[in-house]
Amino acid sequence: MLRERLKFKVVPNLRENFIQKDAQIWTIGLAEYPKFLTKEV
């Protein structure tokens, strides 16, 4: 199993926006790959 850990610095008042955009862009995109299992934010 391969894991990737990314760390981001996000301005506190933009954190919710970052999480929403991440879900809209990355989670949906990654879910299209057959071997993709899960993602945590």
N, C-alpha and C. Protein backbone atom coordinates (compact mmCIF):
# COMPACT_ATOMS: atom_id res chain seq x y z
N MET A 1 0.85 -1.17 0.00
CA MET A 1 0.00 0.00 0.00
C MET A 1 0.89 1.24 0.00
N LEU A 2 0.51 2.21 -0.77
CA LEU A 2 1.25 3.46 -0.87
C LEU A 2 0.45 4.56 -0.19
N ARG A 3 1.13 5.33 0.63
CA ARG A 3 0.49 6.48 1.28
C ARG A 3 1.26 7.73 0.92
N GLU A 4 0.52 8.78 0.79
CA GLU A 4 1.14 10.08 0.52
C GLU A 4 0.61 11.05 1.57
N ARG A 5 1.52 11.79 2.17
CA ARG A 5 1.12 12.77 3.18
C ARG A 5 1.55 14.15 2.70
N LEU A 6 0.57 15.03 2.59
CA LEU A 6 0.83 16.40 2.17
C LEU A 6 0.49 17.33 3.32
N LYS A 7 1.26 18.38 3.46
CA LYS A 7 1.03 19.34 4.53
C LYS A 7 0.90 20.73 3.91
N PHE A 8 -0.17 21.44 4.28
CA PHE A 8 -0.43 22.76 3.73
C PHE A 8 -0.56 23.77 4.85
N LYS A 9 -0.08 24.97 4.61
CA LYS A 9 -0.32 26.09 5.52
C LYS A 9 -1.48 26.88 4.93
N VAL A 10 -2.55 26.98 5.69
CA VAL A 10 -3.75 27.67 5.22
C VAL A 10 -4.12 28.73 6.25
N VAL A 11 -4.42 29.92 5.77
CA VAL A 11 -4.87 30.99 6.66
C VAL A 11 -6.12 30.50 7.38
N PRO A 12 -6.16 30.64 8.71
CA PRO A 12 -7.29 30.07 9.48
C PRO A 12 -8.68 30.43 8.97
N ASN A 13 -8.89 31.66 8.56
CA ASN A 13 -10.25 32.03 8.13
C ASN A 13 -10.59 31.49 6.73
N LEU A 14 -9.63 30.87 6.05
CA LEU A 14 -9.88 30.26 4.74
C LEU A 14 -9.88 28.73 4.80
N ARG A 15 -9.74 28.19 5.98
CA ARG A 15 -9.64 26.73 6.14
C ARG A 15 -10.86 25.99 5.60
N GLU A 16 -12.07 26.46 5.93
CA GLU A 16 -13.29 25.79 5.45
C GLU A 16 -13.36 25.82 3.93
N ASN A 17 -13.01 26.94 3.35
CA ASN A 17 -13.00 27.07 1.89
C ASN A 17 -12.00 26.09 1.28
N PHE A 18 -10.83 25.96 1.88
CA PHE A 18 -9.81 25.03 1.40
C PHE A 18 -10.34 23.60 1.42
N ILE A 19 -10.99 23.22 2.51
CA ILE A 19 -11.53 21.86 2.65
C ILE A 19 -12.61 21.60 1.60
N GLN A 20 -13.47 22.58 1.37
CA GLN A 20 -14.53 22.43 0.36
C GLN A 20 -13.95 22.28 -1.05
N LYS A 21 -13.00 23.12 -1.37
CA LYS A 21 -12.37 23.05 -2.70
C LYS A 21 -11.61 21.74 -2.88
N ASP A 22 -10.95 21.30 -1.83
CA ASP A 22 -10.24 20.03 -1.88
C ASP A 22 -11.20 18.89 -2.21
N ALA A 23 -12.35 18.88 -1.55
CA ALA A 23 -13.34 17.83 -1.80
C ALA A 23 -13.88 17.92 -3.23
N GLN A 24 -14.15 19.12 -3.70
CA GLN A 24 -14.70 19.30 -5.05
C GLN A 24 -13.71 18.90 -6.14
N ILE A 25 -12.44 19.18 -5.92
CA ILE A 25 -11.44 18.96 -6.96
C ILE A 25 -10.73 17.62 -6.80
N TRP A 26 -10.07 17.42 -5.68
CA TRP A 26 -9.22 16.24 -5.52
C TRP A 26 -9.98 14.97 -5.17
N THR A 27 -10.90 15.04 -4.23
CA THR A 27 -11.59 13.82 -3.82
C THR A 27 -12.37 13.24 -5.00
N ILE A 28 -13.09 14.07 -5.71
CA ILE A 28 -13.86 13.60 -6.87
C ILE A 28 -12.93 13.07 -7.96
N GLY A 29 -11.86 13.79 -8.22
CA GLY A 29 -10.90 13.36 -9.24
C GLY A 29 -10.22 12.05 -8.90
N LEU A 30 -9.77 11.92 -7.67
CA LEU A 30 -9.09 10.69 -7.27
C LEU A 30 -10.02 9.49 -7.25
N ALA A 31 -11.28 9.71 -6.94
CA ALA A 31 -12.26 8.62 -6.87
C ALA A 31 -12.44 7.93 -8.22
N GLU A 32 -12.05 8.58 -9.29
CA GLU A 32 -12.16 7.98 -10.62
C GLU A 32 -11.12 6.89 -10.86
N TYR A 33 -10.08 6.85 -10.06
CA TYR A 33 -9.04 5.84 -10.22
C TYR A 33 -9.45 4.56 -9.50
N PRO A 34 -9.41 3.42 -10.18
CA PRO A 34 -9.88 2.16 -9.60
C PRO A 34 -9.18 1.76 -8.30
N LYS A 35 -7.91 2.07 -8.16
CA LYS A 35 -7.18 1.64 -6.96
C LYS A 35 -7.23 2.64 -5.82
N PHE A 36 -7.89 3.75 -6.03
CA PHE A 36 -8.03 4.75 -4.98
C PHE A 36 -8.95 4.21 -3.90
N LEU A 37 -8.50 4.26 -2.64
CA LEU A 37 -9.30 3.74 -1.54
C LEU A 37 -9.97 4.83 -0.73
N THR A 38 -9.18 5.77 -0.23
CA THR A 38 -9.74 6.79 0.64
C THR A 38 -8.83 8.00 0.73
N LYS A 39 -9.35 9.05 1.29
CA LYS A 39 -8.59 10.28 1.48
C LYS A 39 -9.10 10.95 2.74
N GLU A 40 -8.19 11.48 3.53
CA GLU A 40 -8.55 12.20 4.76
C GLU A 40 -8.01 13.62 4.69
N VAL A 41 -8.76 14.53 5.27
CA VAL A 41 -8.32 15.93 5.32
C VAL A 41 -8.24 16.33 6.77
